[in-house]
Amino acid sequence: MVKHEQDIDCGGGYVKLFPAGLAQGDMSGDSKYNIMFGPDVCGPSNRKVHVIFEYKGDNKLIKKTIQPKTDTASHLYTLKVSPDNTYEVQIDGEKVESGSLYEDWDFLPAKEINDPESSKPADWVDDKQMDDPSDTKPEDWDVPQHIADPEATKPEDWDDEMDGEWEAPQIDNPEYKGEWKAKRIDNPEYKGEWVHPQVPNPEFEDDSELYAYDSFGAVGFDLWQVKSGTIFDSVLITDDEAALASQVTAFKARAEGEAAAKKKAEDAEAAAKAAEEALKKEAEEEEEEEEEEAEEPAKDEL
C-alpha cells in the first residue's frame, strides 16, 4: 500500500524485491533486485507504474504505460505473476493492465531475423505510381511567381538621383501555377513491397520460466523524492490467492474509512468557515447600525 500524504509532485513510490543473500546494510540503487514494482511520479507528463524484471543481468522494463494514482489517499498496488508467464497489475483491487511476459517485455530476442544472405534485387520496382511519360508541360506554364504591381505609380516627390531608380513593388502573380509536375499513373513495373526473407535467429533460446526466480530474500525501498512523506504499509508476497483476497478486502475497508474521515474533516472545516463568515457578517451589520445611530440627531436637540 502506498500513500503520498505529502501530495507528491516528483518522486518514487515503488518497492524492490531482492534475492536471498542481499547485504542489507549496503543496499543501494546498484544492488541487484528481482522485481521493481510501484508508482513513480514526476510532473504531469511523467507518471507510470514501474514493472521491471531482472533477467540474465539486465533490467527489463514493461513496454506499456500504466497510470498511477496521484492523490493523497492510500492505494493498493498489486502485481500478479503466473506460471503460464502471464501477469496482471491491479490498483485498489481492480485490474488496470494484464498480458503476456513474452509480449509486453523484451526478455527474449526475436525468433526470426532478416536473412543476412538476402537483399532486395537491384531491379525490384516498389513504386506504385510513376510520372506519366506522355504528359508534357504546357508552353505557357512558366511565369514568374511575383510581378510588378501594375497599379503602382512613382511618387511625385521621388528623386532618382537621391533615391535611386524607382521600381514598382512586387505582388503575387495571378497567373502563377506553381511548380509543374507530370500526372501520376500506375507503374506497370510495380512488383509490390519487397519483404525481407526471414530465417531462424541463432541467438534465440526459448524460456518457459520467465516468471521464476531462484529466491526472494528481502524487500526494500530505494527512492528519490522531492518531498518526503510517503507512507508504505501492508507489503505482501504470497502465492496464496486467499491471502491476497483478504488483503484487498482489508484495504477497501480502510479506504472507505479514510474517505469517510476525509469527508467529515472537510464538512467540519466548511461548517467552521461558514460560522466564521456568519459572525463576521453579524459584526459588520452591528457596526453599520451603530454608525447610522451616531449620525441621527438626538431628539432633544431638534
C-alpha atoms as a PDB file:
ATOM      1  CA  MET A   1       0.000   0.000   0.000  1.00  0.00           C
ATOM      2  CA  VAL A   2       1.258   3.480  -0.901  1.00  0.00           C
ATOM      3  CA  LYS A   3       0.004   6.798   0.455  1.00  0.00           C
ATOM      4  CA  HIS A   4       1.527  10.041  -0.824  1.00  0.00           C
ATOM      5  CA  GLU A   5       0.326  12.027   2.169  1.00  0.00           C
ATOM      6  CA  GLN A   6       2.611  14.942   1.239  1.00  0.00           C
ATOM      7  CA  ASP A   7       0.799  15.362  -2.131  1.00  0.00           C
ATOM      8  CA  ILE A   8       3.860  14.279  -4.077  1.00  0.00           C
ATOM      9  CA  ASP A   9       4.804  16.117  -7.267  1.00  0.00           C
ATOM     10  CA  CYS A  10       8.033  14.277  -8.100  1.00  0.00           C
ATOM     11  CA  GLY A  11       9.294  11.049  -6.624  1.00  0.00           C
ATOM     12  CA  GLY A  12       9.039   7.291  -6.456  1.00  0.00           C
ATOM     13  CA  GLY A  13       6.714   5.040  -4.514  1.00  0.00           C
ATOM     14  CA  TYR A  14       7.931   1.661  -5.682  1.00  0.00           C
ATOM     15  CA  VAL A  15       9.286  -1.394  -3.907  1.00  0.00           C
ATOM     16  CA  LYS A  16      12.170  -3.698  -4.818  1.00  0.00           C
ATOM     17  CA  LEU A  17      12.154  -7.437  -4.217  1.00  0.00           C
ATOM     18  CA  PHE A  18      15.688  -8.695  -3.700  1.00  0.00           C
ATOM     19  CA  PRO A  19      17.105 -12.215  -3.941  1.00  0.00           C
ATOM     20  CA  ALA A  20      18.399 -14.035  -0.875  1.00  0.00           C
ATOM     21  CA  GLY A  21      21.920 -13.065   0.100  1.00  0.00           C
ATOM     22  CA  LEU A  22      21.458  -9.296  -0.158  1.00  0.00           C
ATOM     23  CA  ALA A  23      23.874  -7.426   2.095  1.00  0.00           C
ATOM     24  CA  GLN A  24      21.126  -5.302   3.555  1.00  0.00           C
ATOM     25  CA  GLY A  25      23.443  -2.869   5.287  1.00  0.00           C
ATOM     26  CA  ASP A  26      24.973  -1.993   1.930  1.00  0.00           C
ATOM     27  CA  MET A  27      21.740  -1.932  -0.083  1.00  0.00           C
ATOM     28  CA  SER A  28      21.796   0.851  -2.687  1.00  0.00           C
ATOM     29  CA  GLY A  29      20.458   1.741  -6.107  1.00  0.00           C
ATOM     30  CA  ASP A  30      23.098  -0.546  -7.618  1.00  0.00           C
ATOM     31  CA  SER A  31      22.030  -3.617  -5.637  1.00  0.00           C
ATOM     32  CA  LYS A  32      20.724  -6.417  -7.835  1.00  0.00           C
ATOM     33  CA  TYR A  33      16.990  -6.991  -7.462  1.00  0.00           C
ATOM     34  CA  ASN A  34      14.489  -9.445  -8.934  1.00  0.00           C
ATOM     35  CA  ILE A  35      11.468  -7.176  -9.397  1.00  0.00           C
ATOM     36  CA  MET A  36      10.805  -3.446  -9.038  1.00  0.00           C
ATOM     37  CA  PHE A  37       7.154  -2.523  -8.837  1.00  0.00           C
ATOM     38  CA  GLY A  38       5.107   0.531  -7.957  1.00  0.00           C
ATOM     39  CA  PRO A  39       4.214   4.124  -8.850  1.00  0.00           C
ATOM     40  CA  ASP A  40       6.632   6.807  -9.967  1.00  0.00           C
ATOM     41  CA  VAL A  41       5.542  10.424 -10.479  1.00  0.00           C
ATOM     42  CA  CYS A  42       7.421  13.454 -11.759  1.00  0.00           C
ATOM     43  CA  GLY A  43       5.239  16.255 -13.062  1.00  0.00           C
ATOM     44  CA  PRO A  44       2.091  15.873 -15.158  1.00  0.00           C
ATOM     45  CA  SER A  45       3.801  14.243 -18.143  1.00  0.00           C
ATOM     46  CA  ASN A  46       5.919  11.545 -16.473  1.00  0.00           C
ATOM     47  CA  ARG A  47       3.672   9.256 -14.472  1.00  0.00           C
ATOM     48  CA  LYS A  48       3.867   5.489 -14.584  1.00  0.00           C
ATOM     49  CA  VAL A  49       3.663   2.287 -12.621  1.00  0.00           C
ATOM     50  CA  HIS A  50       7.015   0.551 -12.901  1.00  0.00           C
ATOM     51  CA  VAL A  51       7.024  -3.183 -13.582  1.00  0.00           C
ATOM     52  CA  ILE A  52      10.672  -4.159 -14.030  1.00  0.00           C
ATOM     53  CA  PHE A  53      12.074  -7.693 -14.037  1.00  0.00           C
ATOM     54  CA  GLU A  54      15.740  -8.588 -13.785  1.00  0.00           C
ATOM     55  CA  TYR A  55      16.621 -11.146 -16.465  1.00  0.00           C
ATOM     56  CA  LYS A  56      20.094 -12.511 -17.108  1.00  0.00           C
ATOM     57  CA  GLY A  57      21.773  -9.400 -15.741  1.00  0.00           C
ATOM     58  CA  ASP A  58      19.510  -6.834 -17.443  1.00  0.00           C
ATOM     59  CA  ASN A  59      16.560  -4.912 -16.015  1.00  0.00           C
ATOM     60  CA  LYS A  60      13.642  -5.329 -18.409  1.00  0.00           C
ATOM     61  CA  LEU A  61      11.015  -2.547 -18.421  1.00  0.00           C
ATOM     62  CA  ILE A  62       7.404  -3.096 -19.378  1.00  0.00           C
ATOM     63  CA  LYS A  63       6.578  -1.706 -22.818  1.00  0.00           C
ATOM     64  CA  LYS A  64       3.128  -0.499 -21.778  1.00  0.00           C
ATOM     65  CA  THR A  65       2.368   2.662 -19.787  1.00  0.00           C
ATOM     66  CA  ILE A  66       0.296   2.136 -16.644  1.00  0.00           C
ATOM     67  CA  GLN A  67      -1.015   5.292 -14.998  1.00  0.00           C
ATOM     68  CA  PRO A  68      -0.663   5.523 -11.187  1.00  0.00           C
ATOM     69  CA  LYS A  69      -2.856   7.300  -8.669  1.00  0.00           C
ATOM     70  CA  THR A  70      -1.547  10.761  -7.767  1.00  0.00           C
ATOM     71  CA  ASP A  71      -3.829  11.938  -4.947  1.00  0.00           C
ATOM     72  CA  THR A  72      -3.157  11.844  -1.195  1.00  0.00           C
ATOM     73  CA  ALA A  73      -5.295   8.779  -0.422  1.00  0.00           C
ATOM     74  CA  SER A  74      -3.996   5.268   0.265  1.00  0.00           C
ATOM     75  CA  HIS A  75      -3.764   2.976  -2.766  1.00  0.00           C
ATOM     76  CA  LEU A  76      -3.068  -0.723  -3.025  1.00  0.00           C
ATOM     77  CA  TYR A  77      -0.752  -1.766  -5.872  1.00  0.00           C
ATOM     78  CA  THR A  78      -0.735  -5.453  -6.754  1.00  0.00           C
ATOM     79  CA  LEU A  79       1.381  -7.413  -9.234  1.00  0.00           C
ATOM     80  CA  LYS A  80       0.364 -10.994 -10.021  1.00  0.00           C
ATOM     81  CA  VAL A  81       2.811 -13.161 -11.982  1.00  0.00           C
ATOM     82  CA  SER A  82       1.647 -16.625 -13.021  1.00  0.00           C
ATOM     83  CA  PRO A  83       3.478 -19.832 -14.047  1.00  0.00           C
ATOM     84  CA  ASP A  84       1.953 -19.562 -17.531  1.00  0.00           C
ATOM     85  CA  ASN A  85       4.054 -16.401 -17.981  1.00  0.00           C
ATOM     86  CA  THR A  86       1.129 -14.020 -17.777  1.00  0.00           C
ATOM     87  CA  TYR A  87       0.785 -11.065 -15.434  1.00  0.00           C
ATOM     88  CA  GLU A  88      -1.832  -8.720 -14.033  1.00  0.00           C
ATOM     89  CA  VAL A  89      -1.478  -5.301 -12.397  1.00  0.00           C
ATOM     90  CA  GLN A  90      -4.188  -4.158 -10.016  1.00  0.00           C
ATOM     91  CA  ILE A  91      -4.749  -0.845  -8.274  1.00  0.00           C
ATOM     92  CA  ASP A  92      -7.106  -0.854  -5.299  1.00  0.00           C
ATOM     93  CA  GLY A  93      -8.127  -4.410  -6.152  1.00  0.00           C
ATOM     94  CA  GLU A  94      -9.174  -3.564  -9.728  1.00  0.00           C
ATOM     95  CA  LYS A  95      -7.319  -4.792 -12.818  1.00  0.00           C
ATOM     96  CA  VAL A  96      -5.679  -1.965 -14.780  1.00  0.00           C
ATOM     97  CA  GLU A  97      -3.385  -3.991 -17.055  1.00  0.00           C
ATOM     98  CA  SER A  98      -2.590  -7.598 -17.960  1.00  0.00           C
ATOM     99  CA  GLY A  99      -0.973  -9.646 -20.672  1.00  0.00           C
ATOM    100  CA  SER A 100       1.971 -11.877 -21.539  1.00  0.00           C
ATOM    101  CA  LEU A 101       5.523 -11.633 -20.253  1.00  0.00           C
ATOM    102  CA  TYR A 102       6.662 -12.640 -23.740  1.00  0.00           C
ATOM    103  CA  GLU A 103       4.782  -9.808 -25.473  1.00  0.00           C
ATOM    104  CA  ASP A 104       4.996  -6.897 -23.022  1.00  0.00           C
ATOM    105  CA  TRP A 105       8.723  -7.145 -22.211  1.00  0.00           C
ATOM    106  CA  ASP A 106      11.768  -7.759 -24.385  1.00  0.00           C
ATOM    107  CA  PHE A 107      13.036 -10.760 -22.459  1.00  0.00           C
ATOM    108  CA  LEU A 108      13.977 -12.847 -25.473  1.00  0.00           C
ATOM    109  CA  PRO A 109      15.473 -11.983 -28.848  1.00  0.00           C
ATOM    110  CA  ALA A 110      13.249 -12.365 -31.912  1.00  0.00           C
ATOM    111  CA  LYS A 111      12.608 -15.925 -33.059  1.00  0.00           C
ATOM    112  CA  GLU A 112      13.339 -14.911 -36.646  1.00  0.00           C
ATOM    113  CA  ILE A 113      15.584 -12.287 -38.190  1.00  0.00           C
ATOM    114  CA  ASN A 114      16.170 -10.890 -41.668  1.00  0.00           C
ATOM    115  CA  ASP A 115      18.174 -13.296 -43.783  1.00  0.00           C
ATOM    116  CA  PRO A 116      21.661 -11.734 -43.900  1.00  0.00           C
ATOM    117  CA  GLU A 117      22.311 -13.526 -47.184  1.00  0.00           C
ATOM    118  CA  SER A 118      19.318 -11.926 -48.869  1.00  0.00           C
ATOM    119  CA  SER A 119      18.883  -8.404 -50.213  1.00  0.00           C
ATOM    120  CA  LYS A 120      16.403  -6.608 -52.432  1.00  0.00           C
ATOM    121  CA  PRO A 121      17.137  -7.226 -56.121  1.00  0.00           C
ATOM    122  CA  ALA A 122      18.585  -4.230 -57.912  1.00  0.00           C
ATOM    123  CA  ASP A 123      15.778  -4.286 -60.479  1.00  0.00           C
ATOM    124  CA  TRP A 124      12.993  -4.517 -57.911  1.00  0.00           C
ATOM    125  CA  VAL A 125      10.401  -1.793 -58.504  1.00  0.00           C
ATOM    126  CA  ASP A 126       8.459  -0.821 -55.394  1.00  0.00           C
ATOM    127  CA  ASP A 127       6.997   2.483 -56.607  1.00  0.00           C
ATOM    128  CA  LYS A 128       3.260   2.023 -57.085  1.00  0.00           C
ATOM    129  CA  GLN A 129       2.983   5.044 -59.374  1.00  0.00           C
ATOM    130  CA  MET A 130       5.185   6.900 -61.805  1.00  0.00           C
ATOM    131  CA  ASP A 131       5.175  10.116 -63.834  1.00  0.00           C
ATOM    132  CA  ASP A 132       3.113   9.842 -66.997  1.00  0.00           C
ATOM    133  CA  PRO A 133       5.748   9.862 -69.772  1.00  0.00           C
ATOM    134  CA  SER A 134       3.176  11.198 -72.226  1.00  0.00           C
ATOM    135  CA  ASP A 135       2.363  14.218 -70.115  1.00  0.00           C
ATOM    136  CA  THR A 136       4.208  17.408 -71.068  1.00  0.00           C
ATOM    137  CA  LYS A 137       4.426  20.828 -69.514  1.00  0.00           C
ATOM    138  CA  PRO A 138       2.280  23.468 -71.278  1.00  0.00           C
ATOM    139  CA  GLU A 139       4.252  26.137 -73.106  1.00  0.00           C
ATOM    140  CA  ASP A 140       2.647  28.958 -71.109  1.00  0.00           C
ATOM    141  CA  TRP A 141       3.251  27.300 -67.738  1.00  0.00           C
ATOM    142  CA  ASP A 142       6.478  29.064 -66.761  1.00  0.00           C
ATOM    143  CA  VAL A 143       5.590  32.507 -65.470  1.00  0.00           C
ATOM    144  CA  PRO A 144       7.205  34.399 -62.565  1.00  0.00           C
ATOM    145  CA  GLN A 145       5.738  33.933 -59.110  1.00  0.00           C
ATOM    146  CA  HIS A 146       5.786  37.699 -58.494  1.00  0.00           C
ATOM    147  CA  ILE A 147       5.258  40.643 -60.827  1.00  0.00           C
ATOM    148  CA  ALA A 148       5.436  44.422 -60.574  1.00  0.00           C
ATOM    149  CA  ASP A 149       2.196  45.924 -59.291  1.00  0.00           C
ATOM    150  CA  PRO A 150       0.576  47.417 -62.433  1.00  0.00           C
ATOM    151  CA  GLU A 151      -1.423  49.860 -60.318  1.00  0.00           C
ATOM    152  CA  ALA A 152       1.602  51.274 -58.536  1.00  0.00           C
ATOM    153  CA  THR A 153       2.880  54.675 -59.641  1.00  0.00           C
ATOM    154  CA  LYS A 154       6.076  56.507 -58.957  1.00  0.00           C
ATOM    155  CA  PRO A 155       5.658  59.029 -56.086  1.00  0.00           C
ATOM    156  CA  GLU A 156       5.747  62.660 -57.219  1.00  0.00           C
ATOM    157  CA  ASP A 157       8.490  63.507 -54.735  1.00  0.00           C
ATOM    158  CA  TRP A 158      10.715  60.624 -55.864  1.00  0.00           C
ATOM    159  CA  ASP A 159      14.201  61.847 -56.785  1.00  0.00           C
ATOM    160  CA  ASP A 160      16.083  59.349 -58.962  1.00  0.00           C
ATOM    161  CA  GLU A 161      19.413  60.937 -58.114  1.00  0.00           C
ATOM    162  CA  MET A 162      18.755  60.858 -54.369  1.00  0.00           C
ATOM    163  CA  ASP A 163      16.506  57.819 -54.070  1.00  0.00           C
ATOM    164  CA  GLY A 164      17.786  55.690 -56.917  1.00  0.00           C
ATOM    165  CA  GLU A 165      15.845  54.196 -59.781  1.00  0.00           C
ATOM    166  CA  TRP A 166      12.226  53.684 -58.768  1.00  0.00           C
ATOM    167  CA  GLU A 167      10.833  50.165 -59.028  1.00  0.00           C
ATOM    168  CA  ALA A 168       7.222  49.200 -58.600  1.00  0.00           C
ATOM    169  CA  PRO A 169       6.535  46.941 -55.600  1.00  0.00           C
ATOM    170  CA  GLN A 170       6.099  43.232 -56.290  1.00  0.00           C
ATOM    171  CA  ILE A 171       2.800  41.392 -55.918  1.00  0.00           C
ATOM    172  CA  ASP A 172       1.751  37.757 -56.356  1.00  0.00           C
ATOM    173  CA  ASN A 173       1.285  36.843 -59.987  1.00  0.00           C
ATOM    174  CA  PRO A 174      -2.317  35.665 -60.505  1.00  0.00           C
ATOM    175  CA  GLU A 175      -1.104  33.617 -63.495  1.00  0.00           C
ATOM    176  CA  TYR A 176       1.447  31.695 -61.451  1.00  0.00           C
ATOM    177  CA  LYS A 177       0.523  27.990 -61.175  1.00  0.00           C
ATOM    178  CA  GLY A 178       3.404  26.712 -59.119  1.00  0.00           C
ATOM    179  CA  GLU A 179       5.941  24.034 -59.989  1.00  0.00           C
ATOM    180  CA  TRP A 180       4.775  21.830 -62.825  1.00  0.00           C
ATOM    181  CA  LYS A 181       4.548  18.132 -62.119  1.00  0.00           C
ATOM    182  CA  ALA A 182       3.624  15.397 -64.521  1.00  0.00           C
ATOM    183  CA  LYS A 183       0.457  13.447 -63.873  1.00  0.00           C
ATOM    184  CA  ARG A 184       0.893  10.214 -61.934  1.00  0.00           C
ATOM    185  CA  ILE A 185      -0.156   6.879 -63.365  1.00  0.00           C
ATOM    186  CA  ASP A 186       0.054   3.277 -62.153  1.00  0.00           C
ATOM    187  CA  ASN A 187       3.512   1.846 -62.624  1.00  0.00           C
ATOM    188  CA  PRO A 188       3.323  -1.238 -64.881  1.00  0.00           C
ATOM    189  CA  GLU A 189       6.644  -2.484 -63.464  1.00  0.00           C
ATOM    190  CA  TYR A 190       5.462  -2.366 -59.843  1.00  0.00           C
ATOM    191  CA  LYS A 191       6.121  -5.671 -58.086  1.00  0.00           C
ATOM    192  CA  GLY A 192       4.776  -4.802 -54.644  1.00  0.00           C
ATOM    193  CA  GLU A 193       6.602  -4.052 -51.401  1.00  0.00           C
ATOM    194  CA  TRP A 194       9.697  -6.187 -51.061  1.00  0.00           C
ATOM    195  CA  VAL A 195       9.633  -8.327 -47.915  1.00  0.00           C
ATOM    196  CA  HIS A 196      12.931  -9.401 -46.451  1.00  0.00           C
ATOM    197  CA  PRO A 197      13.028 -13.205 -46.112  1.00  0.00           C
ATOM    198  CA  GLN A 198      13.192 -14.414 -42.529  1.00  0.00           C
ATOM    199  CA  VAL A 199      15.435 -17.100 -41.084  1.00  0.00           C
ATOM    200  CA  PRO A 200      15.643 -18.637 -37.600  1.00  0.00           C
ATOM    201  CA  ASN A 201      17.584 -16.461 -35.174  1.00  0.00           C
ATOM    202  CA  PRO A 202      20.598 -18.464 -33.985  1.00  0.00           C
ATOM    203  CA  GLU A 203      20.642 -16.399 -30.767  1.00  0.00           C
ATOM    204  CA  PHE A 204      17.057 -17.223 -29.863  1.00  0.00           C
ATOM    205  CA  GLU A 205      16.611 -19.571 -26.936  1.00  0.00           C
ATOM    206  CA  ASP A 206      13.129 -20.111 -25.583  1.00  0.00           C
ATOM    207  CA  ASP A 207      12.484 -19.837 -21.852  1.00  0.00           C
ATOM    208  CA  SER A 208       9.295 -21.220 -20.358  1.00  0.00           C
ATOM    209  CA  GLU A 209      10.162 -19.907 -16.886  1.00  0.00           C
ATOM    210  CA  LEU A 210      10.418 -16.165 -17.365  1.00  0.00           C
ATOM    211  CA  TYR A 211       8.224 -15.768 -14.288  1.00  0.00           C
ATOM    212  CA  ALA A 212      10.534 -17.747 -11.971  1.00  0.00           C
ATOM    213  CA  TYR A 213      13.349 -16.634  -9.665  1.00  0.00           C
ATOM    214  CA  ASP A 214      15.647 -18.788  -7.578  1.00  0.00           C
ATOM    215  CA  SER A 215      14.883 -16.909  -4.368  1.00  0.00           C
ATOM    216  CA  PHE A 216      13.336 -13.883  -2.703  1.00  0.00           C
ATOM    217  CA  GLY A 217      15.143 -12.742   0.416  1.00  0.00           C
ATOM    218  CA  ALA A 218      14.314  -9.106   1.163  1.00  0.00           C
ATOM    219  CA  VAL A 219      12.021  -6.204   0.424  1.00  0.00           C
ATOM    220  CA  GLY A 220      13.482  -2.724   0.172  1.00  0.00           C
ATOM    221  CA  PHE A 221      12.614   0.857  -0.701  1.00  0.00           C
ATOM    222  CA  ASP A 222      15.233   2.683  -2.753  1.00  0.00           C
ATOM    223  CA  LEU A 223      13.559   6.017  -3.533  1.00  0.00           C
ATOM    224  CA  TRP A 224      14.255   9.546  -4.674  1.00  0.00           C
ATOM    225  CA  GLN A 225      11.661  12.181  -3.755  1.00  0.00           C
ATOM    226  CA  VAL A 226      11.479  15.972  -3.924  1.00  0.00           C
ATOM    227  CA  LYS A 227       9.091  15.987  -0.954  1.00  0.00           C
ATOM    228  CA  SER A 228       9.348  13.188   1.587  1.00  0.00           C
ATOM    229  CA  GLY A 229       6.375  11.830   3.468  1.00  0.00           C
ATOM    230  CA  THR A 230       5.147   8.761   1.568  1.00  0.00           C
ATOM    231  CA  ILE A 231       3.710   6.034   3.795  1.00  0.00           C
ATOM    232  CA  PHE A 232       4.161   2.347   2.935  1.00  0.00           C
ATOM    233  CA  ASP A 233       2.206  -0.438   4.606  1.00  0.00           C
ATOM    234  CA  SER A 234       0.809  -3.950   4.127  1.00  0.00           C
ATOM    235  CA  VAL A 235       3.585  -5.402   1.958  1.00  0.00           C
ATOM    236  CA  LEU A 236       2.547  -8.923   0.957  1.00  0.00           C
ATOM    237  CA  ILE A 237       4.464 -11.506  -1.093  1.00  0.00           C
ATOM    238  CA  THR A 238       2.460 -14.686  -1.467  1.00  0.00           C
ATOM    239  CA  ASP A 239       1.248 -17.449  -3.757  1.00  0.00           C
ATOM    240  CA  ASP A 240      -1.959 -17.772  -1.730  1.00  0.00           C
ATOM    241  CA  GLU A 241      -4.975 -16.276  -3.548  1.00  0.00           C
ATOM    242  CA  ALA A 242      -6.959 -16.273  -0.308  1.00  0.00           C
ATOM    243  CA  ALA A 243      -4.299 -14.164   1.431  1.00  0.00           C
ATOM    244  CA  LEU A 244      -4.401 -11.671  -1.431  1.00  0.00           C
ATOM    245  CA  ALA A 245      -8.203 -11.525  -1.385  1.00  0.00           C
ATOM    246  CA  SER A 246      -8.098 -10.897   2.359  1.00  0.00           C
ATOM    247  CA  GLN A 247      -5.634  -8.050   1.888  1.00  0.00           C
ATOM    248  CA  VAL A 248      -7.808  -6.445  -0.803  1.00  0.00           C
ATOM    249  CA  THR A 249     -10.863  -6.702   1.452  1.00  0.00           C
ATOM    250  CA  ALA A 250      -8.975  -5.124   4.352  1.00  0.00           C
ATOM    251  CA  PHE A 251      -7.684  -2.341   2.114  1.00  0.00           C
ATOM    252  CA  LYS A 252     -11.131  -1.477   0.771  1.00  0.00           C
ATOM    253  CA  ALA A 253     -12.443  -1.204   4.327  1.00  0.00           C
ATOM    254  CA  ARG A 254      -9.522   1.057   5.170  1.00  0.00           C
ATOM    255  CA  ALA A 255     -10.086   3.163   2.053  1.00  0.00           C
ATOM    256  CA  GLU A 256     -13.761   3.619   2.958  1.00  0.00           C
ATOM    257  CA  GLY A 257     -12.727   4.695   6.453  1.00  0.00           C
ATOM    258  CA  GLU A 258     -10.209   7.185   5.045  1.00  0.00           C
ATOM    259  CA  ALA A 259     -12.792   8.608   2.671  1.00  0.00           C
ATOM    260  CA  ALA A 260     -15.355   8.973   5.463  1.00  0.00           C
ATOM    261  CA  ALA A 261     -12.805  10.630   7.754  1.00  0.00           C
ATOM    262  CA  LYS A 262     -11.749  12.990   4.985  1.00  0.00           C
ATOM    263  CA  LYS A 263     -15.354  13.960   4.267  1.00  0.00           C
ATOM    264  CA  LYS A 264     -16.017  14.510   7.971  1.00  0.00           C
ATOM    265  CA  ALA A 265     -12.950  16.760   8.228  1.00  0.00           C
ATOM    266  CA  GLU A 266     -13.932  18.681   5.104  1.00  0.00           C
ATOM    267  CA  ASP A 267     -17.512  19.107   6.374  1.00  0.00           C
ATOM    268  CA  ALA A 268     -16.234  20.333   9.731  1.00  0.00           C
ATOM    269  CA  GLU A 269     -13.882  22.768   8.023  1.00  0.00           C
ATOM    270  CA  ALA A 270     -16.697  24.049   5.815  1.00  0.00           C
ATOM    271  CA  ALA A 271     -19.001  24.438   8.837  1.00  0.00           C
ATOM    272  CA  ALA A 272     -16.321  26.305  10.777  1.00  0.00           C
ATOM    273  CA  LYS A 273     -15.706  28.598   7.820  1.00  0.00           C
ATOM    274  CA  ALA A 274     -19.442  29.244   7.422  1.00  0.00           C
ATOM    275  CA  ALA A 275     -19.768  30.041  11.150  1.00  0.00           C
ATOM    276  CA  GLU A 276     -16.781  32.392  10.956  1.00  0.00           C
ATOM    277  CA  GLU A 277     -18.260  34.191   7.953  1.00  0.00           C
ATOM    278  CA  ALA A 278     -21.652  34.456   9.735  1.00  0.00           C
ATOM    279  CA  LEU A 279     -20.034  36.016  12.813  1.00  0.00           C
ATOM    280  CA  LYS A 280     -18.069  38.393  10.621  1.00  0.00           C
ATOM    281  CA  LYS A 281     -21.233  39.425   8.782  1.00  0.00           C
ATOM    282  CA  GLU A 282     -23.111  39.916  12.062  1.00  0.00           C
ATOM    283  CA  ALA A 283     -20.307  42.096  13.425  1.00  0.00           C
ATOM    284  CA  GLU A 284     -20.303  44.196  10.245  1.00  0.00           C
ATOM    285  CA  GLU A 285     -24.071  44.681  10.450  1.00  0.00           C
ATOM    286  CA  GLU A 286     -23.847  45.778  14.115  1.00  0.00           C
ATOM    287  CA  GLU A 287     -21.083  48.221  13.226  1.00  0.00           C
ATOM    288  CA  GLU A 288     -23.195  49.681  10.424  1.00  0.00           C
ATOM    289  CA  GLU A 289     -26.177  50.100  12.792  1.00  0.00           C
ATOM    290  CA  GLU A 290     -24.016  51.905  15.354  1.00  0.00           C
ATOM    291  CA  GLU A 291     -22.688  54.252  12.675  1.00  0.00           C
ATOM    292  CA  GLU A 292     -26.229  55.024  11.474  1.00  0.00           C
ATOM    293  CA  GLU A 293     -27.404  55.759  15.041  1.00  0.00           C
ATOM    294  CA  ALA A 294     -24.459  58.082  15.632  1.00  0.00           C
ATOM    295  CA  GLU A 295     -25.339  60.042  12.501  1.00  0.00           C
ATOM    296  CA  GLU A 296     -29.020  60.624  13.582  1.00  0.00           C
ATOM    297  CA  PRO A 297     -29.509  63.928  15.561  1.00  0.00           C
ATOM    298  CA  ALA A 298     -30.624  63.481  19.157  1.00  0.00           C
ATOM    299  CA  LYS A 299     -34.348  64.158  19.633  1.00  0.00           C
ATOM    300  CA  ASP A 300     -33.760  66.750  22.387  1.00  0.00           C
ATOM    301  CA  GLU A 301     -31.650  68.775  20.002  1.00  0.00           C
ATOM    302  CA  LEU A 302     -34.466  69.182  17.484  1.00  0.00           C
END
